[in-house]
Amino acid sequence: MIVEFQSSVWKVSLKPNYNSEKRRREIEKKKKKEEKELKKRLRKEAIARGEVPEGEDAEGDDDDNDSPEDGSTEVV
């Protein structure tokens, strides 16, 4: 906060607090990351117990990799 004296009136000009905005974004990002890790850990535990997590098929361990596990390439 910057305070200046101008003729018999105090003039106050507030600067935006960018640090608090940055901190808020960092906290949100950390919370989102923790939620994602928890969800991933619970999913792995469910698969280890032999349960199929809700909304997934039985073989859906890796959604990013759609190639067969034996390494062969399948042409359709």
PDB file of N, CA and C in Angstrom:
ATOM      1  N   MET A   1       0.842  -1.161   0.000  1.00  0.00           N
ATOM      2  CA  MET A   1       0.000   0.000   0.000  1.00  0.00           C
ATOM      3  C   MET A   1       0.897   1.236   0.000  1.00  0.00           C
ATOM      4  N   ILE A   2       0.562   2.141  -0.851  1.00  0.00           N
ATOM      5  CA  ILE A   2       1.308   3.387  -0.961  1.00  0.00           C
ATOM      6  C   ILE A   2       0.444   4.517  -0.408  1.00  0.00           C
ATOM      7  N   VAL A   3       1.022   5.284   0.497  1.00  0.00           N
ATOM      8  CA  VAL A   3       0.279   6.387   1.116  1.00  0.00           C
ATOM      9  C   VAL A   3       1.036   7.679   0.817  1.00  0.00           C
ATOM     10  N   GLU A   4       0.332   8.643   0.314  1.00  0.00           N
ATOM     11  CA  GLU A   4       0.928   9.941  -0.001  1.00  0.00           C
ATOM     12  C   GLU A   4       0.108  11.047   0.666  1.00  0.00           C
ATOM     13  N   PHE A   5       0.796  12.063   1.043  1.00  0.00           N
ATOM     14  CA  PHE A   5       0.096  13.223   1.608  1.00  0.00           C
ATOM     15  C   PHE A   5      -0.036  14.281   0.530  1.00  0.00           C
ATOM     16  N   GLN A   6      -1.258  14.662   0.260  1.00  0.00           N
ATOM     17  CA  GLN A   6      -1.503  15.647  -0.796  1.00  0.00           C
ATOM     18  C   GLN A   6      -2.408  16.746  -0.248  1.00  0.00           C
ATOM     19  N   SER A   7      -1.861  17.894  -0.076  1.00  0.00           N
ATOM     20  CA  SER A   7      -2.557  19.071   0.484  1.00  0.00           C
ATOM     21  C   SER A   7      -3.310  18.749   1.749  1.00  0.00           C
ATOM     22  N   SER A   8      -4.017  18.512   2.307  1.00  0.00           N
ATOM     23  CA  SER A   8      -4.626  18.150   3.574  1.00  0.00           C
ATOM     24  C   SER A   8      -5.459  16.871   3.424  1.00  0.00           C
ATOM     25  N   VAL A   9      -5.238  16.121   2.367  1.00  0.00           N
ATOM     26  CA  VAL A   9      -5.999  14.879   2.145  1.00  0.00           C
ATOM     27  C   VAL A   9      -4.991  13.739   1.935  1.00  0.00           C
ATOM     28  N   TRP A  10      -5.219  12.679   2.634  1.00  0.00           N
ATOM     29  CA  TRP A  10      -4.361  11.505   2.443  1.00  0.00           C
ATOM     30  C   TRP A  10      -4.844  10.738   1.223  1.00  0.00           C
ATOM     31  N   LYS A  11      -3.928  10.466   0.341  1.00  0.00           N
ATOM     32  CA  LYS A  11      -4.266   9.718  -0.871  1.00  0.00           C
ATOM     33  C   LYS A  11      -3.695   8.304  -0.720  1.00  0.00           C
ATOM     34  N   VAL A  12      -4.568   7.325  -0.831  1.00  0.00           N
ATOM     35  CA  VAL A  12      -4.153   5.940  -0.695  1.00  0.00           C
ATOM     36  C   VAL A  12      -4.403   5.227  -2.026  1.00  0.00           C
ATOM     37  N   SER A  13      -3.373   4.610  -2.544  1.00  0.00           N
ATOM     38  CA  SER A  13      -3.556   3.823  -3.764  1.00  0.00           C
ATOM     39  C   SER A  13      -3.122   2.391  -3.474  1.00  0.00           C
ATOM     40  N   LEU A  14      -4.000   1.476  -3.729  1.00  0.00           N
ATOM     41  CA  LEU A  14      -3.741   0.071  -3.459  1.00  0.00           C
ATOM     42  C   LEU A  14      -3.204  -0.614  -4.706  1.00  0.00           C
ATOM     43  N   LYS A  15      -2.195  -1.419  -4.507  1.00  0.00           N
ATOM     44  CA  LYS A  15      -1.655  -2.209  -5.602  1.00  0.00           C
ATOM     45  C   LYS A  15      -2.272  -3.604  -5.517  1.00  0.00           C
ATOM     46  N   PRO A  16      -2.563  -4.222  -6.654  1.00  0.00           N
ATOM     47  CA  PRO A  16      -3.128  -5.568  -6.616  1.00  0.00           C
ATOM     48  C   PRO A  16      -2.148  -6.552  -5.975  1.00  0.00           C
ATOM     49  N   ASN A  17      -2.679  -7.500  -5.245  1.00  0.00           N
ATOM     50  CA  ASN A  17      -1.853  -8.488  -4.571  1.00  0.00           C
ATOM     51  C   ASN A  17      -1.734  -9.725  -5.464  1.00  0.00           C
ATOM     52  N   TYR A  18      -0.766  -9.691  -6.341  1.00  0.00           N
ATOM     53  CA  TYR A  18      -0.570 -10.798  -7.280  1.00  0.00           C
ATOM     54  C   TYR A  18      -0.094 -12.065  -6.574  1.00  0.00           C
ATOM     55  N   ASN A  19       0.610 -11.915  -5.460  1.00  0.00           N
ATOM     56  CA  ASN A  19       1.100 -13.083  -4.731  1.00  0.00           C
ATOM     57  C   ASN A  19      -0.041 -13.932  -4.184  1.00  0.00           C
ATOM     58  N   SER A  20      -1.107 -13.288  -3.716  1.00  0.00           N
ATOM     59  CA  SER A  20      -2.224 -14.070  -3.181  1.00  0.00           C
ATOM     60  C   SER A  20      -2.942 -14.822  -4.299  1.00  0.00           C
ATOM     61  N   GLU A  21      -3.064 -14.207  -5.470  1.00  0.00           N
ATOM     62  CA  GLU A  21      -3.678 -14.892  -6.611  1.00  0.00           C
ATOM     63  C   GLU A  21      -2.831 -16.083  -7.040  1.00  0.00           C
ATOM     64  N   LYS A  22      -1.524 -15.876  -7.082  1.00  0.00           N
ATOM     65  CA  LYS A  22      -0.615 -16.960  -7.459  1.00  0.00           C
ATOM     66  C   LYS A  22      -0.705 -18.096  -6.447  1.00  0.00           C
ATOM     67  N   ARG A  23      -0.716 -17.769  -5.177  1.00  0.00           N
ATOM     68  CA  ARG A  23      -0.809 -18.777  -4.113  1.00  0.00           C
ATOM     69  C   ARG A  23      -2.125 -19.543  -4.212  1.00  0.00           C
ATOM     70  N   ARG A  24      -3.224 -18.835  -4.492  1.00  0.00           N
ATOM     71  CA  ARG A  24      -4.528 -19.487  -4.633  1.00  0.00           C
ATOM     72  C   ARG A  24      -4.503 -20.486  -5.786  1.00  0.00           C
ATOM     73  N   ARG A  25      -3.905 -20.084  -6.923  1.00  0.00           N
ATOM     74  CA  ARG A  25      -3.810 -20.989  -8.071  1.00  0.00           C
ATOM     75  C   ARG A  25      -2.944 -22.199  -7.747  1.00  0.00           C
ATOM     76  N   GLU A  26      -1.842 -21.976  -7.019  1.00  0.00           N
ATOM     77  CA  GLU A  26      -0.969 -23.087  -6.634  1.00  0.00           C
ATOM     78  C   GLU A  26      -1.700 -24.076  -5.724  1.00  0.00           C
ATOM     79  N   ILE A  27      -2.493 -23.568  -4.792  1.00  0.00           N
ATOM     80  CA  ILE A  27      -3.248 -24.429  -3.883  1.00  0.00           C
ATOM     81  C   ILE A  27      -4.283 -25.235  -4.662  1.00  0.00           C
ATOM     82  N   GLU A  28      -4.991 -24.590  -5.596  1.00  0.00           N
ATOM     83  CA  GLU A  28      -5.974 -25.298  -6.416  1.00  0.00           C
ATOM     84  C   GLU A  28      -5.306 -26.385  -7.247  1.00  0.00           C
ATOM     85  N   LYS A  29      -4.156 -26.067  -7.823  1.00  0.00           N
ATOM     86  CA  LYS A  29      -3.423 -27.027  -8.643  1.00  0.00           C
ATOM     87  C   LYS A  29      -2.972 -28.220  -7.796  1.00  0.00           C
ATOM     88  N   LYS A  30      -2.471 -27.943  -6.598  1.00  0.00           N
ATOM     89  CA  LYS A  30      -2.020 -29.007  -5.701  1.00  0.00           C
ATOM     90  C   LYS A  30      -3.192 -29.895  -5.278  1.00  0.00           C
ATOM     91  N   LYS A  31      -4.335 -29.284  -4.972  1.00  0.00           N
ATOM     92  CA  LYS A  31      -5.522 -30.042  -4.563  1.00  0.00           C
ATOM     93  C   LYS A  31      -6.001 -30.936  -5.703  1.00  0.00           C
ATOM     94  N   LYS A  32      -6.017 -30.390  -6.923  1.00  0.00           N
ATOM     95  CA  LYS A  32      -6.446 -31.166  -8.077  1.00  0.00           C
ATOM     96  C   LYS A  32      -5.504 -32.345  -8.317  1.00  0.00           C
ATOM     97  N   LYS A  33      -4.208 -32.112  -8.157  1.00  0.00           N
ATOM     98  CA  LYS A  33      -3.213 -33.166  -8.358  1.00  0.00           C
ATOM     99  C   LYS A  33      -3.384 -34.265  -7.307  1.00  0.00           C
ATOM    100  N   GLU A  34      -3.615 -33.870  -6.045  1.00  0.00           N
ATOM    101  CA  GLU A  34      -3.827 -34.844  -4.977  1.00  0.00           C
ATOM    102  C   GLU A  34      -5.079 -35.675  -5.231  1.00  0.00           C
ATOM    103  N   GLU A  35      -6.158 -35.036  -5.693  1.00  0.00           N
ATOM    104  CA  GLU A  35      -7.388 -35.766  -6.003  1.00  0.00           C
ATOM    105  C   GLU A  35      -7.155 -36.768  -7.136  1.00  0.00           C
ATOM    106  N   LYS A  36      -6.399 -36.363  -8.138  1.00  0.00           N
ATOM    107  CA  LYS A  36      -6.094 -37.238  -9.266  1.00  0.00           C
ATOM    108  C   LYS A  36      -5.262 -38.440  -8.807  1.00  0.00           C
ATOM    109  N   GLU A  37      -4.256 -38.194  -7.954  1.00  0.00           N
ATOM    110  CA  GLU A  37      -3.426 -39.280  -7.439  1.00  0.00           C
ATOM    111  C   GLU A  37      -4.252 -40.240  -6.582  1.00  0.00           C
ATOM    112  N   LEU A  38      -5.168 -39.715  -5.775  1.00  0.00           N
ATOM    113  CA  LEU A  38      -6.026 -40.555  -4.942  1.00  0.00           C
ATOM    114  C   LEU A  38      -6.911 -41.434  -5.815  1.00  0.00           C
ATOM    115  N   LYS A  39      -7.498 -40.827  -6.832  1.00  0.00           N
ATOM    116  CA  LYS A  39      -8.365 -41.577  -7.743  1.00  0.00           C
ATOM    117  C   LYS A  39      -7.568 -42.687  -8.438  1.00  0.00           C
ATOM    118  N   LYS A  40      -6.360 -42.376  -8.860  1.00  0.00           N
ATOM    119  CA  LYS A  40      -5.509 -43.356  -9.533  1.00  0.00           C
ATOM    120  C   LYS A  40      -5.138 -44.495  -8.572  1.00  0.00           C
ATOM    121  N   ARG A  41      -4.805 -44.140  -7.315  1.00  0.00           N
ATOM    122  CA  ARG A  41      -4.437 -45.158  -6.323  1.00  0.00           C
ATOM    123  C   ARG A  41      -5.624 -46.061  -6.005  1.00  0.00           C
ATOM    124  N   LEU A  42      -6.815 -45.477  -5.848  1.00  0.00           N
ATOM    125  CA  LEU A  42      -8.012 -46.279  -5.567  1.00  0.00           C
ATOM    126  C   LEU A  42      -8.335 -47.211  -6.733  1.00  0.00           C
ATOM    127  N   ARG A  43      -8.139 -46.712  -7.950  1.00  0.00           N
ATOM    128  CA  ARG A  43      -8.386 -47.526  -9.143  1.00  0.00           C
ATOM    129  C   ARG A  43      -7.434 -48.712  -9.175  1.00  0.00           C
ATOM    130  N   LYS A  44      -6.148 -48.481  -8.879  1.00  0.00           N
ATOM    131  CA  LYS A  44      -5.169 -49.563  -8.877  1.00  0.00           C
ATOM    132  C   LYS A  44      -5.473 -50.591  -7.791  1.00  0.00           C
ATOM    133  N   GLU A  45      -5.896 -50.117  -6.621  1.00  0.00           N
ATOM    134  CA  GLU A  45      -6.250 -51.029  -5.532  1.00  0.00           C
ATOM    135  C   GLU A  45      -7.455 -51.879  -5.917  1.00  0.00           C
ATOM    136  N   ALA A  46      -8.433 -51.285  -6.584  1.00  0.00           N
ATOM    137  CA  ALA A  46      -9.618 -52.026  -7.003  1.00  0.00           C
ATOM    138  C   ALA A  46      -9.238 -53.094  -8.028  1.00  0.00           C
ATOM    139  N   ILE A  47      -8.360 -52.756  -8.932  1.00  0.00           N
ATOM    140  CA  ILE A  47      -7.910 -53.731  -9.940  1.00  0.00           C
ATOM    141  C   ILE A  47      -7.144 -54.853  -9.264  1.00  0.00           C
ATOM    142  N   ALA A  48      -6.323 -54.538  -8.255  1.00  0.00           N
ATOM    143  CA  ALA A  48      -5.557 -55.552  -7.535  1.00  0.00           C
ATOM    144  C   ALA A  48      -6.480 -56.528  -6.798  1.00  0.00           C
ATOM    145  N   ARG A  49      -7.623 -56.017  -6.336  1.00  0.00           N
ATOM    146  CA  ARG A  49      -8.595 -56.884  -5.652  1.00  0.00           C
ATOM    147  C   ARG A  49      -9.441 -57.664  -6.637  1.00  0.00           C
ATOM    148  N   GLY A  50      -9.317 -57.357  -7.918  1.00  0.00           N
ATOM    149  CA  GLY A  50     -10.095 -58.054  -8.927  1.00  0.00           C
ATOM    150  C   GLY A  50     -11.417 -57.392  -9.234  1.00  0.00           C
ATOM    151  N   GLU A  51     -11.636 -56.231  -8.713  1.00  0.00           N
ATOM    152  CA  GLU A  51     -12.869 -55.504  -8.983  1.00  0.00           C
ATOM    153  C   GLU A  51     -12.680 -54.649 -10.231  1.00  0.00           C
ATOM    154  N   VAL A  52     -13.751 -54.423 -10.948  1.00  0.00           N
ATOM    155  CA  VAL A  52     -13.703 -53.539 -12.110  1.00  0.00           C
ATOM    156  C   VAL A  52     -14.191 -52.177 -11.657  1.00  0.00           C
ATOM    157  N   PRO A  53     -13.331 -51.143 -11.753  1.00  0.00           N
ATOM    158  CA  PRO A  53     -13.775 -49.801 -11.364  1.00  0.00           C
ATOM    159  C   PRO A  53     -14.976 -49.365 -12.196  1.00  0.00           C
ATOM    160  N   GLU A  54     -15.838 -48.577 -11.592  1.00  0.00           N
ATOM    161  CA  GLU A  54     -17.061 -48.125 -12.242  1.00  0.00           C
ATOM    162  C   GLU A  54     -16.743 -47.341 -13.520  1.00  0.00           C
ATOM    163  N   GLY A  55     -17.447 -47.662 -14.596  1.00  0.00           N
ATOM    164  CA  GLY A  55     -17.284 -46.944 -15.849  1.00  0.00           C
ATOM    165  C   GLY A  55     -16.143 -47.442 -16.702  1.00  0.00           C
ATOM    166  N   GLU A  56     -15.552 -48.579 -16.371  1.00  0.00           N
ATOM    167  CA  GLU A  56     -14.436 -49.105 -17.152  1.00  0.00           C
ATOM    168  C   GLU A  56     -14.692 -50.559 -17.497  1.00  0.00           C
ATOM    169  N   ASP A  57     -14.048 -51.010 -18.588  1.00  0.00           N
ATOM    170  CA  ASP A  57     -14.140 -52.419 -18.932  1.00  0.00           C
ATOM    171  C   ASP A  57     -13.050 -53.190 -18.194  1.00  0.00           C
ATOM    172  N   ALA A  58     -13.102 -54.501 -18.237  1.00  0.00           N
ATOM    173  CA  ALA A  58     -12.219 -55.352 -17.448  1.00  0.00           C
ATOM    174  C   ALA A  58     -10.751 -55.204 -17.826  1.00  0.00           C
ATOM    175  N   GLU A  59     -10.452 -54.904 -19.085  1.00  0.00           N
ATOM    176  CA  GLU A  59      -9.060 -54.845 -19.516  1.00  0.00           C
ATOM    177  C   GLU A  59      -8.573 -53.410 -19.662  1.00  0.00           C
ATOM    178  N   GLY A  60      -9.252 -52.450 -19.117  1.00  0.00           N
ATOM    179  CA  GLY A  60      -8.942 -51.040 -19.322  1.00  0.00           C
ATOM    180  C   GLY A  60      -7.850 -50.496 -18.428  1.00  0.00           C
ATOM    181  N   ASP A  61      -6.725 -51.210 -18.254  1.00  0.00           N
ATOM    182  CA  ASP A  61      -5.650 -50.741 -17.399  1.00  0.00           C
ATOM    183  C   ASP A  61      -4.995 -49.478 -17.921  1.00  0.00           C
ATOM    184  N   ASP A  62      -4.728 -49.405 -19.249  1.00  0.00           N
ATOM    185  CA  ASP A  62      -4.029 -48.264 -19.822  1.00  0.00           C
ATOM    186  C   ASP A  62      -4.847 -47.703 -20.962  1.00  0.00           C
ATOM    187  N   ASP A  63      -5.515 -46.604 -20.722  1.00  0.00           N
ATOM    188  CA  ASP A  63      -6.385 -46.022 -21.740  1.00  0.00           C
ATOM    189  C   ASP A  63      -5.611 -45.395 -22.885  1.00  0.00           C
ATOM    190  N   ASP A  64      -4.374 -44.956 -22.635  1.00  0.00           N
ATOM    191  CA  ASP A  64      -3.594 -44.274 -23.662  1.00  0.00           C
ATOM    192  C   ASP A  64      -3.011 -45.232 -24.688  1.00  0.00           C
ATOM    193  N   ASN A  65      -2.809 -46.463 -24.318  1.00  0.00           N
ATOM    194  CA  ASN A  65      -2.157 -47.420 -25.201  1.00  0.00           C
ATOM    195  C   ASN A  65      -3.196 -48.406 -25.721  1.00  0.00           C
ATOM    196  N   ASP A  66      -3.584 -48.247 -26.990  1.00  0.00           N
ATOM    197  CA  ASP A  66      -4.594 -49.123 -27.570  1.00  0.00           C
ATOM    198  C   ASP A  66      -3.984 -50.272 -28.359  1.00  0.00           C
ATOM    199  N   SER A  67      -2.659 -50.401 -28.357  1.00  0.00           N
ATOM    200  CA  SER A  67      -2.018 -51.487 -29.106  1.00  0.00           C
ATOM    201  C   SER A  67      -2.069 -52.773 -28.292  1.00  0.00           C
ATOM    202  N   PRO A  68      -2.000 -53.942 -28.966  1.00  0.00           N
ATOM    203  CA  PRO A  68      -2.014 -55.218 -28.244  1.00  0.00           C
ATOM    204  C   PRO A  68      -0.794 -55.344 -27.339  1.00  0.00           C
ATOM    205  N   GLU A  69      -0.949 -56.128 -26.254  1.00  0.00           N
ATOM    206  CA  GLU A  69       0.132 -56.263 -25.278  1.00  0.00           C
ATOM    207  C   GLU A  69       1.305 -57.073 -25.795  1.00  0.00           C
ATOM    208  N   ASP A  70       1.109 -57.951 -26.805  1.00  0.00           N
ATOM    209  CA  ASP A  70       2.212 -58.761 -27.290  1.00  0.00           C
ATOM    210  C   ASP A  70       3.135 -57.989 -28.227  1.00  0.00           C
ATOM    211  N   GLY A  71       2.826 -56.738 -28.498  1.00  0.00           N
ATOM    212  CA  GLY A  71       3.689 -55.898 -29.313  1.00  0.00           C
ATOM    213  C   GLY A  71       3.421 -56.000 -30.792  1.00  0.00           C
ATOM    214  N   SER A  72       2.528 -56.879 -31.225  1.00  0.00           N
ATOM    215  CA  SER A  72       2.240 -57.004 -32.644  1.00  0.00           C
ATOM    216  C   SER A  72       1.365 -55.845 -33.096  1.00  0.00           C
ATOM    217  N   THR A  73       1.436 -55.546 -34.365  1.00  0.00           N
ATOM    218  CA  THR A  73       0.585 -54.497 -34.900  1.00  0.00           C
ATOM    219  C   THR A  73      -0.562 -55.149 -35.662  1.00  0.00           C
ATOM    220  N   GLU A  74      -1.737 -54.713 -35.385  1.00  0.00           N
ATOM    221  CA  GLU A  74      -2.923 -55.296 -35.988  1.00  0.00           C
ATOM    222  C   GLU A  74      -3.465 -54.331 -37.038  1.00  0.00           C
ATOM    223  N   VAL A  75      -3.613 -54.835 -38.281  1.00  0.00           N
ATOM    224  CA  VAL A  75      -4.137 -54.021 -39.346  1.00  0.00           C
ATOM    225  C   VAL A  75      -5.538 -54.496 -39.648  1.00  0.00           C
ATOM    226  N   VAL A  76      -6.458 -53.549 -39.668  1.00  0.00           N
ATOM    227  CA  VAL A  76      -7.855 -53.903 -39.910  1.00  0.00           C
ATOM    228  C   VAL A  76      -8.263 -53.450 -41.290  1.00  0.00           C
TER     229      VAL A  76
END
